[in-house]
Amino acid sequence: MQKVLIVDDNFDLSRLIHSSLVDRAYRTKSAATLSQAFIYLTKQKFDLLILDRGLPDGDGLEIIRYLQLNQSQMPILMISERTSLSDRIEGLRRGADDYLPKPFSMDEFSLKVEKLLMKVKHIQVDTLPCGDIAIFPRLGICKFGRRVVHLRKREFEILVFLIKHKNMIVTREMLIDHIWEDGEIPTYSTVDVYIRRIRIIMGSRRKMLQTVRGYGYVMRG
């Protein structure tokens, strides 16, 4: 059962959203302030955040910033009385996945929620996760937090293999046997070059890909 966090200080609207989601078999938690929302976010994992901008103790954008710093991939539906085009663009640019100006139709709201939660289900099925790294084999892309990266074919195949075998030692021989199947036999140095490239692409997450001297590599997840 998917879980939704509702952050809105309008009690009547929050209760209406809660009822609508419960009717569709979603579980919910409600917060009326930033501080209350932060408590929930540090203790529980949610599949969707419904977020008002105008809260008693600050702007809802502060929560988006917090999630980005913690490399969360949770989708965000922003709801707000700030209805101007510039406000909507700002919300989307700052990290919201969708923006719904108040007042809104509950039918439209429900449709947006279902679409965002369907994306979560699709990602869970078609993704290889490792920490906050997500690999999409069918699409040929990687996600590092919220950063989407397109790797070269060999780099992508090596990263997929390492994540499929995360927390296990992968030798250079294993990589050569499974990645280079076209008759080409690379040297160990060639494999090391690809590993260095992947570490550069991983940026601050490069420590997850460790060298085990005398054996090979291990992706810590």
N, C-alpha and C. Protein backbone atom coordinates (compact mmCIF):
# COMPACT_ATOMS: atom_id res chain seq x y z
N MET A 1 0.85 -1.19 0.00
CA MET A 1 0.00 0.00 0.00
C MET A 1 0.89 1.25 0.00
N GLN A 2 0.65 2.14 -0.96
CA GLN A 2 1.50 3.33 -1.09
C GLN A 2 1.12 4.40 -0.07
N LYS A 3 2.14 5.13 0.39
CA LYS A 3 1.94 6.11 1.46
C LYS A 3 2.14 7.53 0.93
N VAL A 4 1.25 8.42 1.34
CA VAL A 4 1.27 9.81 0.88
C VAL A 4 1.35 10.73 2.09
N LEU A 5 2.25 11.71 2.02
CA LEU A 5 2.33 12.74 3.05
C LEU A 5 1.66 14.01 2.54
N ILE A 6 0.67 14.50 3.28
CA ILE A 6 -0.06 15.72 2.94
C ILE A 6 0.44 16.83 3.84
N VAL A 7 0.96 17.90 3.25
CA VAL A 7 1.46 19.03 4.04
C VAL A 7 0.66 20.27 3.64
N ASP A 8 -0.31 20.63 4.47
CA ASP A 8 -1.20 21.76 4.19
C ASP A 8 -1.83 22.21 5.50
N ASP A 9 -1.85 23.51 5.74
CA ASP A 9 -2.42 24.02 7.00
C ASP A 9 -3.92 24.29 6.91
N ASN A 10 -4.51 24.06 5.74
CA ASN A 10 -5.97 24.19 5.58
C ASN A 10 -6.59 22.87 6.03
N PHE A 11 -7.16 22.87 7.23
CA PHE A 11 -7.65 21.62 7.82
C PHE A 11 -8.72 20.96 6.96
N ASP A 12 -9.68 21.75 6.47
CA ASP A 12 -10.77 21.19 5.68
C ASP A 12 -10.26 20.56 4.39
N LEU A 13 -9.35 21.27 3.70
CA LEU A 13 -8.81 20.72 2.47
C LEU A 13 -7.97 19.48 2.73
N SER A 14 -7.17 19.53 3.79
CA SER A 14 -6.33 18.38 4.13
C SER A 14 -7.19 17.15 4.42
N ARG A 15 -8.31 17.37 5.13
CA ARG A 15 -9.20 16.26 5.44
C ARG A 15 -9.87 15.72 4.18
N LEU A 16 -10.23 16.62 3.26
CA LEU A 16 -10.83 16.20 1.99
C LEU A 16 -9.85 15.37 1.17
N ILE A 17 -8.59 15.82 1.09
CA ILE A 17 -7.55 15.09 0.37
C ILE A 17 -7.33 13.72 1.01
N HIS A 18 -7.27 13.72 2.33
CA HIS A 18 -7.09 12.45 3.06
C HIS A 18 -8.20 11.46 2.71
N SER A 19 -9.45 11.92 2.74
CA SER A 19 -10.59 11.04 2.45
C SER A 19 -10.53 10.51 1.03
N SER A 20 -10.16 11.39 0.09
CA SER A 20 -10.06 10.98 -1.31
C SER A 20 -9.00 9.90 -1.50
N LEU A 21 -7.86 10.05 -0.82
CA LEU A 21 -6.77 9.08 -0.96
C LEU A 21 -7.09 7.76 -0.27
N VAL A 22 -7.71 7.83 0.91
CA VAL A 22 -8.07 6.61 1.64
C VAL A 22 -9.09 5.80 0.84
N ASP A 23 -10.02 6.50 0.18
CA ASP A 23 -11.00 5.81 -0.66
C ASP A 23 -10.34 5.02 -1.78
N ARG A 24 -9.14 5.45 -2.18
CA ARG A 24 -8.40 4.76 -3.24
C ARG A 24 -7.33 3.82 -2.68
N ALA A 25 -7.48 3.52 -1.41
CA ALA A 25 -6.62 2.53 -0.73
C ALA A 25 -5.18 3.00 -0.53
N TYR A 26 -4.96 4.33 -0.46
CA TYR A 26 -3.65 4.84 -0.11
C TYR A 26 -3.61 5.14 1.39
N ARG A 27 -2.45 5.02 1.98
CA ARG A 27 -2.26 5.41 3.38
C ARG A 27 -1.74 6.84 3.42
N THR A 28 -2.16 7.62 4.43
CA THR A 28 -1.76 9.02 4.48
C THR A 28 -1.29 9.43 5.87
N LYS A 29 -0.48 10.48 5.88
CA LYS A 29 -0.14 11.23 7.08
C LYS A 29 -0.33 12.69 6.74
N SER A 30 -0.75 13.49 7.71
CA SER A 30 -1.01 14.90 7.46
C SER A 30 -0.17 15.76 8.40
N ALA A 31 0.39 16.84 7.84
CA ALA A 31 1.15 17.81 8.62
C ALA A 31 0.67 19.21 8.25
N ALA A 32 0.59 20.09 9.25
CA ALA A 32 0.11 21.45 9.00
C ALA A 32 1.23 22.48 8.99
N THR A 33 2.45 22.04 9.32
CA THR A 33 3.59 22.96 9.38
C THR A 33 4.83 22.29 8.80
N LEU A 34 5.83 23.13 8.51
CA LEU A 34 7.11 22.60 8.03
C LEU A 34 7.73 21.69 9.08
N SER A 35 7.76 22.13 10.33
CA SER A 35 8.42 21.37 11.38
C SER A 35 7.77 20.00 11.55
N GLN A 36 6.45 19.96 11.48
CA GLN A 36 5.75 18.69 11.59
C GLN A 36 6.08 17.77 10.41
N ALA A 37 6.14 18.36 9.23
CA ALA A 37 6.47 17.58 8.02
C ALA A 37 7.88 17.01 8.11
N PHE A 38 8.83 17.82 8.60
CA PHE A 38 10.21 17.34 8.73
C PHE A 38 10.30 16.14 9.67
N ILE A 39 9.51 16.16 10.74
CA ILE A 39 9.51 15.03 11.68
C ILE A 39 9.06 13.75 10.97
N TYR A 40 7.97 13.84 10.20
CA TYR A 40 7.49 12.68 9.45
C TYR A 40 8.54 12.19 8.45
N LEU A 41 9.16 13.13 7.74
CA LEU A 41 10.10 12.76 6.68
C LEU A 41 11.36 12.11 7.21
N THR A 42 11.73 12.44 8.44
CA THR A 42 12.93 11.84 9.02
C THR A 42 12.65 10.46 9.62
N LYS A 43 11.38 10.15 9.84
CA LYS A 43 11.03 8.88 10.50
C LYS A 43 10.40 7.86 9.57
N GLN A 44 9.82 8.31 8.44
CA GLN A 44 9.09 7.40 7.58
C GLN A 44 9.46 7.63 6.11
N LYS A 45 9.16 6.62 5.30
CA LYS A 45 9.35 6.73 3.86
C LYS A 45 7.99 6.86 3.20
N PHE A 46 7.86 7.83 2.29
CA PHE A 46 6.61 8.06 1.59
C PHE A 46 6.82 7.90 0.09
N ASP A 47 5.72 7.58 -0.60
CA ASP A 47 5.77 7.41 -2.05
C ASP A 47 5.40 8.69 -2.79
N LEU A 48 4.76 9.63 -2.10
CA LEU A 48 4.33 10.88 -2.74
C LEU A 48 4.19 11.95 -1.68
N LEU A 49 4.59 13.17 -2.04
CA LEU A 49 4.42 14.34 -1.17
C LEU A 49 3.45 15.32 -1.82
N ILE A 50 2.37 15.66 -1.11
CA ILE A 50 1.44 16.71 -1.54
C ILE A 50 1.75 17.92 -0.69
N LEU A 51 2.19 18.98 -1.30
CA LEU A 51 2.83 20.07 -0.56
C LEU A 51 2.24 21.43 -0.88
N ASP A 52 1.77 22.13 0.17
CA ASP A 52 1.34 23.51 0.04
C ASP A 52 2.56 24.42 0.19
N ARG A 53 2.55 25.55 -0.48
CA ARG A 53 3.68 26.48 -0.34
C ARG A 53 3.54 27.35 0.88
N GLY A 54 2.34 27.91 1.09
CA GLY A 54 2.15 28.86 2.18
C GLY A 54 1.83 28.18 3.49
N LEU A 55 2.85 27.92 4.31
CA LEU A 55 2.67 27.26 5.60
C LEU A 55 2.97 28.25 6.74
N PRO A 56 2.41 28.01 7.92
CA PRO A 56 2.57 28.99 9.02
C PRO A 56 4.01 29.30 9.39
N ASP A 57 4.91 28.33 9.24
CA ASP A 57 6.30 28.54 9.65
C ASP A 57 7.27 28.59 8.48
N GLY A 58 6.76 28.85 7.26
CA GLY A 58 7.68 29.02 6.14
C GLY A 58 7.10 28.60 4.81
N ASP A 59 7.96 28.62 3.79
CA ASP A 59 7.58 28.27 2.43
C ASP A 59 7.80 26.77 2.21
N GLY A 60 6.82 26.11 1.59
CA GLY A 60 6.95 24.69 1.30
C GLY A 60 8.17 24.34 0.48
N LEU A 61 8.73 25.31 -0.23
CA LEU A 61 9.94 25.06 -1.01
C LEU A 61 11.11 24.62 -0.13
N GLU A 62 11.05 24.96 1.16
CA GLU A 62 12.10 24.53 2.08
C GLU A 62 12.13 23.01 2.19
N ILE A 63 10.97 22.38 2.12
CA ILE A 63 10.91 20.92 2.18
C ILE A 63 11.52 20.32 0.93
N ILE A 64 11.24 20.94 -0.22
CA ILE A 64 11.83 20.43 -1.47
C ILE A 64 13.35 20.52 -1.39
N ARG A 65 13.84 21.63 -0.87
CA ARG A 65 15.29 21.78 -0.73
C ARG A 65 15.86 20.70 0.19
N TYR A 66 15.18 20.42 1.28
CA TYR A 66 15.61 19.38 2.21
C TYR A 66 15.67 18.01 1.52
N LEU A 67 14.64 17.70 0.74
CA LEU A 67 14.60 16.42 0.04
C LEU A 67 15.73 16.32 -0.99
N GLN A 68 16.01 17.43 -1.67
CA GLN A 68 17.10 17.42 -2.65
C GLN A 68 18.45 17.20 -1.97
N LEU A 69 18.66 17.83 -0.82
CA LEU A 69 19.91 17.65 -0.09
C LEU A 69 20.07 16.21 0.38
N ASN A 70 18.94 15.55 0.64
CA ASN A 70 18.98 14.16 1.07
C ASN A 70 18.79 13.19 -0.09
N GLN A 71 18.85 13.74 -1.32
CA GLN A 71 18.83 12.93 -2.55
C GLN A 71 17.60 12.03 -2.64
N SER A 72 16.46 12.58 -2.19
CA SER A 72 15.20 11.83 -2.28
C SER A 72 14.67 11.87 -3.71
N GLN A 73 14.09 10.75 -4.15
CA GLN A 73 13.48 10.67 -5.47
C GLN A 73 11.95 10.68 -5.38
N MET A 74 11.41 10.98 -4.21
CA MET A 74 9.97 10.98 -4.02
C MET A 74 9.32 12.07 -4.88
N PRO A 75 8.28 11.73 -5.67
CA PRO A 75 7.60 12.75 -6.47
C PRO A 75 6.83 13.72 -5.60
N ILE A 76 6.69 14.95 -6.09
CA ILE A 76 6.07 16.03 -5.31
C ILE A 76 4.98 16.70 -6.14
N LEU A 77 3.78 16.74 -5.59
CA LEU A 77 2.68 17.50 -6.18
C LEU A 77 2.48 18.74 -5.33
N MET A 78 2.78 19.90 -5.89
CA MET A 78 2.64 21.15 -5.15
C MET A 78 1.24 21.71 -5.37
N ILE A 79 0.57 22.10 -4.27
CA ILE A 79 -0.74 22.75 -4.34
C ILE A 79 -0.60 24.11 -3.66
N SER A 80 -1.16 25.15 -4.28
CA SER A 80 -0.91 26.48 -3.73
C SER A 80 -1.94 27.48 -4.21
N GLU A 81 -2.18 28.49 -3.36
CA GLU A 81 -3.01 29.62 -3.76
C GLU A 81 -2.23 30.61 -4.62
N ARG A 82 -0.93 30.39 -4.74
CA ARG A 82 -0.10 31.22 -5.62
C ARG A 82 -0.29 30.69 -7.04
N THR A 83 -1.12 31.36 -7.79
CA THR A 83 -1.60 30.82 -9.06
C THR A 83 -0.97 31.45 -10.30
N SER A 84 -0.10 32.43 -10.11
CA SER A 84 0.47 33.10 -11.27
C SER A 84 1.41 32.16 -12.03
N LEU A 85 1.63 32.46 -13.29
CA LEU A 85 2.52 31.62 -14.11
C LEU A 85 3.92 31.59 -13.52
N SER A 86 4.40 32.73 -13.02
CA SER A 86 5.75 32.78 -12.47
C SER A 86 5.87 31.90 -11.22
N ASP A 87 4.81 31.86 -10.40
CA ASP A 87 4.83 31.00 -9.21
C ASP A 87 4.85 29.53 -9.60
N ARG A 88 4.06 29.16 -10.61
CA ARG A 88 4.02 27.77 -11.04
C ARG A 88 5.37 27.36 -11.62
N ILE A 89 5.95 28.24 -12.42
CA ILE A 89 7.25 27.94 -13.02
C ILE A 89 8.32 27.80 -11.93
N GLU A 90 8.26 28.69 -10.92
CA GLU A 90 9.24 28.61 -9.83
C GLU A 90 9.11 27.28 -9.09
N GLY A 91 7.87 26.88 -8.79
CA GLY A 91 7.67 25.62 -8.09
C GLY A 91 8.22 24.44 -8.86
N LEU A 92 7.98 24.42 -10.17
CA LEU A 92 8.47 23.32 -11.00
C LEU A 92 9.99 23.35 -11.13
N ARG A 93 10.52 24.55 -11.28
CA ARG A 93 11.98 24.67 -11.41
C ARG A 93 12.69 24.26 -10.12
N ARG A 94 12.06 24.51 -8.99
CA ARG A 94 12.69 24.21 -7.71
C ARG A 94 12.56 22.73 -7.32
N GLY A 95 11.81 21.95 -8.13
CA GLY A 95 11.81 20.52 -7.89
C GLY A 95 10.47 19.83 -7.81
N ALA A 96 9.35 20.58 -7.85
CA ALA A 96 8.05 19.92 -7.85
C ALA A 96 7.85 19.19 -9.16
N ASP A 97 7.21 18.03 -9.12
CA ASP A 97 6.95 17.25 -10.33
C ASP A 97 5.68 17.72 -11.04
N ASP A 98 4.77 18.33 -10.27
CA ASP A 98 3.54 18.88 -10.85
C ASP A 98 3.06 19.99 -9.93
N TYR A 99 2.23 20.88 -10.46
CA TYR A 99 1.79 22.05 -9.70
C TYR A 99 0.30 22.25 -9.95
N LEU A 100 -0.47 22.32 -8.88
CA LEU A 100 -1.92 22.44 -8.99
C LEU A 100 -2.38 23.67 -8.21
N PRO A 101 -2.81 24.73 -8.91
CA PRO A 101 -3.26 25.94 -8.23
C PRO A 101 -4.59 25.71 -7.50
N LYS A 102 -4.73 26.33 -6.33
CA LYS A 102 -5.99 26.30 -5.58
C LYS A 102 -6.91 27.43 -6.07
N PRO A 103 -8.21 27.22 -6.02
CA PRO A 103 -8.94 25.96 -5.75
C PRO A 103 -8.86 25.04 -6.97
N PHE A 104 -9.00 23.75 -6.73
CA PHE A 104 -8.89 22.80 -7.82
C PHE A 104 -9.99 21.75 -7.73
N SER A 105 -10.22 21.09 -8.84
CA SER A 105 -11.19 20.01 -8.90
C SER A 105 -10.56 18.75 -8.29
N MET A 106 -11.33 18.04 -7.48
CA MET A 106 -10.81 16.81 -6.89
C MET A 106 -10.59 15.73 -7.95
N ASP A 107 -11.35 15.79 -9.04
CA ASP A 107 -11.13 14.85 -10.13
C ASP A 107 -9.75 15.08 -10.76
N GLU A 108 -9.42 16.36 -11.00
CA GLU A 108 -8.11 16.67 -11.55
C GLU A 108 -7.01 16.29 -10.57
N PHE A 109 -7.24 16.60 -9.30
CA PHE A 109 -6.27 16.24 -8.25
C PHE A 109 -6.02 14.73 -8.24
N SER A 110 -7.09 13.95 -8.25
CA SER A 110 -6.96 12.49 -8.20
C SER A 110 -6.21 11.95 -9.40
N LEU A 111 -6.45 12.54 -10.57
CA LEU A 111 -5.76 12.10 -11.78
C LEU A 111 -4.27 12.36 -11.68
N LYS A 112 -3.88 13.54 -11.16
CA LYS A 112 -2.46 13.86 -11.02
C LYS A 112 -1.79 12.94 -10.01
N VAL A 113 -2.48 12.66 -8.91
CA VAL A 113 -1.94 11.76 -7.90
C VAL A 113 -1.71 10.37 -8.48
N GLU A 114 -2.69 9.86 -9.20
CA GLU A 114 -2.58 8.52 -9.77
C GLU A 114 -1.42 8.44 -10.76
N LYS A 115 -1.26 9.48 -11.56
CA LYS A 115 -0.16 9.47 -12.54
C LYS A 115 1.20 9.47 -11.85
N LEU A 116 1.34 10.29 -10.80
CA LEU A 116 2.61 10.35 -10.10
C LEU A 116 2.91 9.04 -9.37
N LEU A 117 1.89 8.43 -8.77
CA LEU A 117 2.10 7.17 -8.07
C LEU A 117 2.33 6.01 -9.04
N MET A 118 1.74 6.08 -10.22
CA MET A 118 2.00 5.06 -11.24
C MET A 118 3.46 5.11 -11.68
N LYS A 119 4.02 6.33 -11.75
CA LYS A 119 5.43 6.47 -12.10
C LYS A 119 6.30 5.80 -11.05
N VAL A 120 5.91 5.95 -9.78
CA VAL A 120 6.67 5.32 -8.70
C VAL A 120 6.65 3.82 -8.86
N LYS A 121 5.47 3.24 -9.14
CA LYS A 121 5.36 1.80 -9.34
C LYS A 121 6.21 1.34 -10.52
N HIS A 122 6.18 2.11 -11.61
CA HIS A 122 6.95 1.75 -12.81
C HIS A 122 8.44 1.76 -12.51
N ILE A 123 8.88 2.78 -11.76
CA ILE A 123 10.29 2.87 -11.41
C ILE A 123 10.69 1.69 -10.55
N GLN A 124 9.83 1.31 -9.59
CA GLN A 124 10.15 0.20 -8.71
C GLN A 124 10.31 -1.10 -9.49
N VAL A 125 9.52 -1.28 -10.55
CA VAL A 125 9.57 -2.52 -11.33
C VAL A 125 10.74 -2.54 -12.29
N ASP A 126 11.01 -1.43 -12.94
CA ASP A 126 11.98 -1.39 -14.03
C ASP A 126 13.30 -0.75 -13.64
N THR A 127 13.61 -0.71 -12.35
CA THR A 127 14.81 -0.04 -11.91
C THR A 127 15.70 -0.96 -11.10
N LEU A 128 17.02 -0.78 -11.28
CA LEU A 128 18.00 -1.43 -10.42
C LEU A 128 18.47 -0.39 -9.42
N PRO A 129 18.09 -0.49 -8.14
CA PRO A 129 18.49 0.53 -7.17
C PRO A 129 19.76 0.16 -6.43
N CYS A 130 20.49 1.19 -6.01
CA CYS A 130 21.66 1.00 -5.16
C CYS A 130 21.85 2.31 -4.39
N GLY A 131 21.41 2.33 -3.14
CA GLY A 131 21.41 3.60 -2.42
C GLY A 131 20.48 4.56 -3.12
N ASP A 132 20.96 5.76 -3.41
CA ASP A 132 20.13 6.72 -4.15
C ASP A 132 20.47 6.72 -5.65
N ILE A 133 21.21 5.68 -6.08
CA ILE A 133 21.46 5.50 -7.51
C ILE A 133 20.37 4.60 -8.08
N ALA A 134 19.83 4.97 -9.22
CA ALA A 134 18.82 4.14 -9.88
C ALA A 134 19.22 3.95 -11.33
N ILE A 135 19.24 2.70 -11.77
CA ILE A 135 19.58 2.36 -13.14
C ILE A 135 18.31 1.92 -13.87
N PHE A 136 18.07 2.47 -15.05
CA PHE A 136 16.92 2.13 -15.85
C PHE A 136 17.40 1.36 -17.09
N PRO A 137 17.49 0.04 -16.98
CA PRO A 137 18.06 -0.75 -18.09
C PRO A 137 17.34 -0.57 -19.41
N ARG A 138 16.00 -0.48 -19.38
CA ARG A 138 15.25 -0.36 -20.63
C ARG A 138 15.47 0.99 -21.31
N LEU A 139 15.75 2.01 -20.50
CA LEU A 139 15.92 3.35 -21.06
C LEU A 139 17.39 3.68 -21.30
N GLY A 140 18.27 2.91 -20.67
CA GLY A 140 19.70 3.16 -20.85
C GLY A 140 20.19 4.40 -20.13
N ILE A 141 19.52 4.76 -19.02
CA ILE A 141 19.93 5.95 -18.27
C ILE A 141 20.14 5.61 -16.80
N CYS A 142 20.86 6.49 -16.12
CA CYS A 142 21.11 6.36 -14.69
C CYS A 142 20.64 7.62 -13.99
N LYS A 143 20.21 7.45 -12.75
CA LYS A 143 19.80 8.58 -11.94
C LYS A 143 20.62 8.59 -10.67
N PHE A 144 21.35 9.67 -10.44
CA PHE A 144 22.12 9.84 -9.21
C PHE A 144 21.39 10.92 -8.41
N GLY A 145 20.57 10.48 -7.43
CA GLY A 145 19.69 11.43 -6.77
C GLY A 145 18.68 11.92 -7.79
N ARG A 146 18.65 13.22 -8.03
CA ARG A 146 17.76 13.79 -9.05
C ARG A 146 18.48 14.06 -10.36
N ARG A 147 19.79 13.75 -10.41
CA ARG A 147 20.58 14.01 -11.62
C ARG A 147 20.50 12.82 -12.57
N VAL A 148 20.03 13.06 -13.77
CA VAL A 148 19.92 12.01 -14.79
C VAL A 148 21.15 12.05 -15.68
N VAL A 149 21.76 10.88 -15.89
CA VAL A 149 23.00 10.79 -16.66
C VAL A 149 22.86 9.72 -17.74
N HIS A 150 23.31 10.04 -18.94
CA HIS A 150 23.36 9.08 -20.04
C HIS A 150 24.81 8.62 -20.18
N LEU A 151 25.04 7.35 -19.93
CA LEU A 151 26.39 6.79 -20.02
C LEU A 151 26.65 6.18 -21.39
N ARG A 152 27.93 6.05 -21.72
CA ARG A 152 28.29 5.29 -22.91
C ARG A 152 27.97 3.81 -22.68
N LYS A 153 27.84 3.07 -23.77
CA LYS A 153 27.35 1.69 -23.71
C LYS A 153 28.16 0.83 -22.73
N ARG A 154 29.48 0.82 -22.85
CA ARG A 154 30.31 -0.02 -21.99
C ARG A 154 30.19 0.42 -20.52
N GLU A 155 30.24 1.72 -20.29
CA GLU A 155 30.15 2.23 -18.92
C GLU A 155 28.82 1.81 -18.29
N PHE A 156 27.75 1.93 -19.09
CA PHE A 156 26.43 1.56 -18.59
C PHE A 156 26.37 0.07 -18.25
N GLU A 157 26.90 -0.77 -19.14
CA GLU A 157 26.85 -2.22 -18.92
C GLU A 157 27.66 -2.61 -17.68
N ILE A 158 28.81 -1.97 -17.48
CA ILE A 158 29.63 -2.28 -16.31
C ILE A 158 28.90 -1.86 -15.04
N LEU A 159 28.31 -0.66 -15.04
CA LEU A 159 27.60 -0.19 -13.86
C LEU A 159 26.40 -1.08 -13.53
N VAL A 160 25.68 -1.50 -14.56
CA VAL A 160 24.55 -2.42 -14.36
C VAL A 160 25.03 -3.71 -13.71
N PHE A 161 26.14 -4.26 -14.22
CA PHE A 161 26.66 -5.52 -13.70
C PHE A 161 27.08 -5.37 -12.24
N LEU A 162 27.75 -4.25 -11.93
CA LEU A 162 28.20 -4.02 -10.56
C LEU A 162 27.02 -3.89 -9.59
N ILE A 163 25.96 -3.19 -10.04
CA ILE A 163 24.80 -3.00 -9.16
C ILE A 163 24.00 -4.29 -9.02
N LYS A 164 23.93 -5.08 -10.08
CA LYS A 164 23.26 -6.39 -9.98
C LYS A 164 23.97 -7.28 -8.96
N HIS A 165 25.28 -7.05 -8.81
CA HIS A 165 26.07 -7.86 -7.88
C HIS A 165 26.56 -6.99 -6.71
N LYS A 166 25.75 -6.01 -6.30
CA LYS A 166 26.18 -5.10 -5.23
C LYS A 166 26.48 -5.87 -3.95
N ASN A 167 27.47 -5.35 -3.24
CA ASN A 167 27.97 -5.94 -1.99
C ASN A 167 28.67 -7.28 -2.22
N MET A 168 28.97 -7.59 -3.49
CA MET A 168 29.74 -8.79 -3.83
C MET A 168 30.99 -8.36 -4.60
N ILE A 169 32.06 -9.09 -4.41
CA ILE A 169 33.29 -8.76 -5.15
C ILE A 169 33.12 -9.18 -6.61
N VAL A 170 33.38 -8.25 -7.50
CA VAL A 170 33.34 -8.51 -8.95
C VAL A 170 34.77 -8.41 -9.47
N THR A 171 35.28 -9.51 -10.01
CA THR A 171 36.65 -9.50 -10.51
C THR A 171 36.70 -8.91 -11.92
N ARG A 172 37.90 -8.56 -12.33
CA ARG A 172 38.07 -8.06 -13.69
C ARG A 172 37.69 -9.15 -14.70
N GLU A 173 38.03 -10.40 -14.37
CA GLU A 173 37.68 -11.51 -15.27
C GLU A 173 36.17 -11.62 -15.47
N MET A 174 35.40 -11.41 -14.39
CA MET A 174 33.94 -11.45 -14.49
C MET A 174 33.42 -10.36 -15.41
N LEU A 175 33.98 -9.17 -15.27
CA LEU A 175 33.55 -8.05 -16.13
C LEU A 175 33.89 -8.33 -17.59
N ILE A 176 35.09 -8.83 -17.83
CA ILE A 176 35.51 -9.12 -19.21
C ILE A 176 34.61 -10.19 -19.82
N ASP A 177 34.32 -11.24 -19.06
CA ASP A 177 33.50 -12.34 -19.58
C ASP A 177 32.07 -11.91 -19.89
N HIS A 178 31.51 -11.01 -19.08
CA HIS A 178 30.10 -10.65 -19.24
C HIS A 178 29.87 -9.40 -20.07
N ILE A 179 30.87 -8.52 -20.15
CA ILE A 179 30.68 -7.25 -20.88
C ILE A 179 31.25 -7.33 -22.28
N TRP A 180 32.42 -7.92 -22.42
CA TRP A 180 33.07 -8.00 -23.74
C TRP A 180 32.79 -9.37 -24.34
N GLU A 181 31.64 -9.53 -24.96
CA GLU A 181 31.24 -10.82 -25.52
C GLU A 181 31.40 -10.88 -27.03
N ASP A 182 32.00 -9.87 -27.61
CA ASP A 182 32.09 -9.81 -29.08
C ASP A 182 33.43 -10.29 -29.62
N GLY A 183 34.18 -11.00 -28.80
CA GLY A 183 35.46 -11.52 -29.26
C GLY A 183 36.63 -10.65 -28.85
N GLU A 184 36.36 -9.40 -28.51
CA GLU A 184 37.43 -8.50 -28.07
C GLU A 184 37.85 -8.89 -26.65
N ILE A 185 39.16 -8.96 -26.41
CA ILE A 185 39.65 -9.30 -25.08
C ILE A 185 40.46 -8.11 -24.56
N PRO A 186 39.86 -7.31 -23.69
CA PRO A 186 40.56 -6.14 -23.18
C PRO A 186 41.59 -6.52 -22.11
N THR A 187 42.50 -5.64 -21.84
CA THR A 187 43.45 -5.85 -20.75
C THR A 187 42.81 -5.41 -19.44
N TYR A 188 43.44 -5.80 -18.33
CA TYR A 188 42.96 -5.35 -17.03
C TYR A 188 43.01 -3.82 -16.93
N SER A 189 44.01 -3.24 -17.58
CA SER A 189 44.14 -1.78 -17.55
C SER A 189 42.95 -1.11 -18.22
N THR A 190 42.44 -1.73 -19.29
CA THR A 190 41.25 -1.18 -19.96
C THR A 190 40.06 -1.19 -19.01
N VAL A 191 39.89 -2.28 -18.27
CA VAL A 191 38.80 -2.35 -17.29
C VAL A 191 38.96 -1.26 -16.24
N ASP A 192 40.19 -1.06 -15.78
CA ASP A 192 40.45 -0.04 -14.76
C ASP A 192 40.12 1.36 -15.27
N VAL A 193 40.37 1.61 -16.54
CA VAL A 193 40.04 2.91 -17.14
C VAL A 193 38.53 3.16 -17.08
N TYR A 194 37.76 2.14 -17.44
CA TYR A 194 36.30 2.27 -17.39
C TYR A 194 35.82 2.50 -15.95
N ILE A 195 36.42 1.83 -15.01
CA ILE A 195 36.04 2.00 -13.60
C ILE A 195 36.33 3.44 -13.16
N ARG A 196 37.48 3.98 -13.58
CA ARG A 196 37.81 5.36 -13.23
C ARG A 196 36.79 6.33 -13.81
N ARG A 197 36.37 6.09 -15.07
CA ARG A 197 35.37 6.95 -15.71
C ARG A 197 34.06 6.91 -14.93
N ILE A 198 33.66 5.70 -14.53
CA ILE A 198 32.40 5.55 -13.80
C ILE A 198 32.47 6.28 -12.47
N ARG A 199 33.61 6.20 -11.79
CA ARG A 199 33.77 6.90 -10.51
C ARG A 199 33.65 8.41 -10.70
N ILE A 200 34.22 8.93 -11.78
CA ILE A 200 34.12 10.37 -12.05
C ILE A 200 32.66 10.76 -12.24
N ILE A 201 31.92 9.93 -13.00
CA ILE A 201 30.50 10.21 -13.25
C ILE A 201 29.70 10.14 -11.95
N MET A 202 30.07 9.23 -11.04
CA MET A 202 29.34 9.08 -9.78
C MET A 202 29.53 10.28 -8.86
N GLY A 203 30.57 11.05 -9.08
CA GLY A 203 30.78 12.26 -8.28
C GLY A 203 30.96 11.94 -6.80
N SER A 204 30.13 12.55 -5.95
CA SER A 204 30.25 12.38 -4.50
C SER A 204 29.94 10.96 -4.05
N ARG A 205 29.35 10.16 -4.94
CA ARG A 205 29.01 8.77 -4.59
C ARG A 205 30.12 7.79 -4.98
N ARG A 206 31.25 8.29 -5.42
CA ARG A 206 32.31 7.41 -5.95
C ARG A 206 32.83 6.43 -4.89
N LYS A 207 32.70 6.79 -3.61
CA LYS A 207 33.20 5.90 -2.56
C LYS A 207 32.38 4.62 -2.46
N MET A 208 31.19 4.61 -3.06
CA MET A 208 30.38 3.40 -3.07
C MET A 208 31.05 2.30 -3.90
N LEU A 209 31.82 2.70 -4.90
CA LEU A 209 32.51 1.74 -5.78
C LEU A 209 33.95 1.58 -5.27
N GLN A 210 34.19 0.50 -4.56
CA GLN A 210 35.46 0.30 -3.88
C GLN A 210 36.34 -0.72 -4.61
N THR A 211 37.65 -0.52 -4.49
CA THR A 211 38.62 -1.48 -5.04
C THR A 211 39.01 -2.47 -3.95
N VAL A 212 38.95 -3.74 -4.27
CA VAL A 212 39.41 -4.78 -3.35
C VAL A 212 40.73 -5.30 -3.92
N ARG A 213 41.81 -4.88 -3.34
CA ARG A 213 43.14 -5.17 -3.91
C ARG A 213 43.37 -6.66 -4.06
N GLY A 214 43.83 -7.01 -5.27
CA GLY A 214 44.12 -8.41 -5.55
C GLY A 214 42.91 -9.20 -6.02
N TYR A 215 41.72 -8.57 -5.97
CA TYR A 215 40.51 -9.29 -6.37
C TYR A 215 39.72 -8.55 -7.46
N GLY A 216 39.34 -7.31 -7.19
CA GLY A 216 38.52 -6.59 -8.16
C GLY A 216 37.80 -5.43 -7.52
N TYR A 217 36.47 -5.37 -7.69
CA TYR A 217 35.71 -4.22 -7.22
C TYR A 217 34.45 -4.68 -6.51
N VAL A 218 33.91 -3.79 -5.68
CA VAL A 218 32.64 -4.08 -5.04
C VAL A 218 31.82 -2.79 -4.97
N MET A 219 30.55 -2.86 -5.36
CA MET A 219 29.63 -1.73 -5.26
C MET A 219 28.86 -1.86 -3.96
N ARG A 220 29.08 -0.94 -3.05
CA ARG A 220 28.39 -0.98 -1.77
C ARG A 220 27.02 -0.33 -1.90
N GLY A 221 25.98 -1.05 -1.48
CA GLY A 221 24.62 -0.52 -1.58
C GLY A 221 23.90 -0.64 -0.27
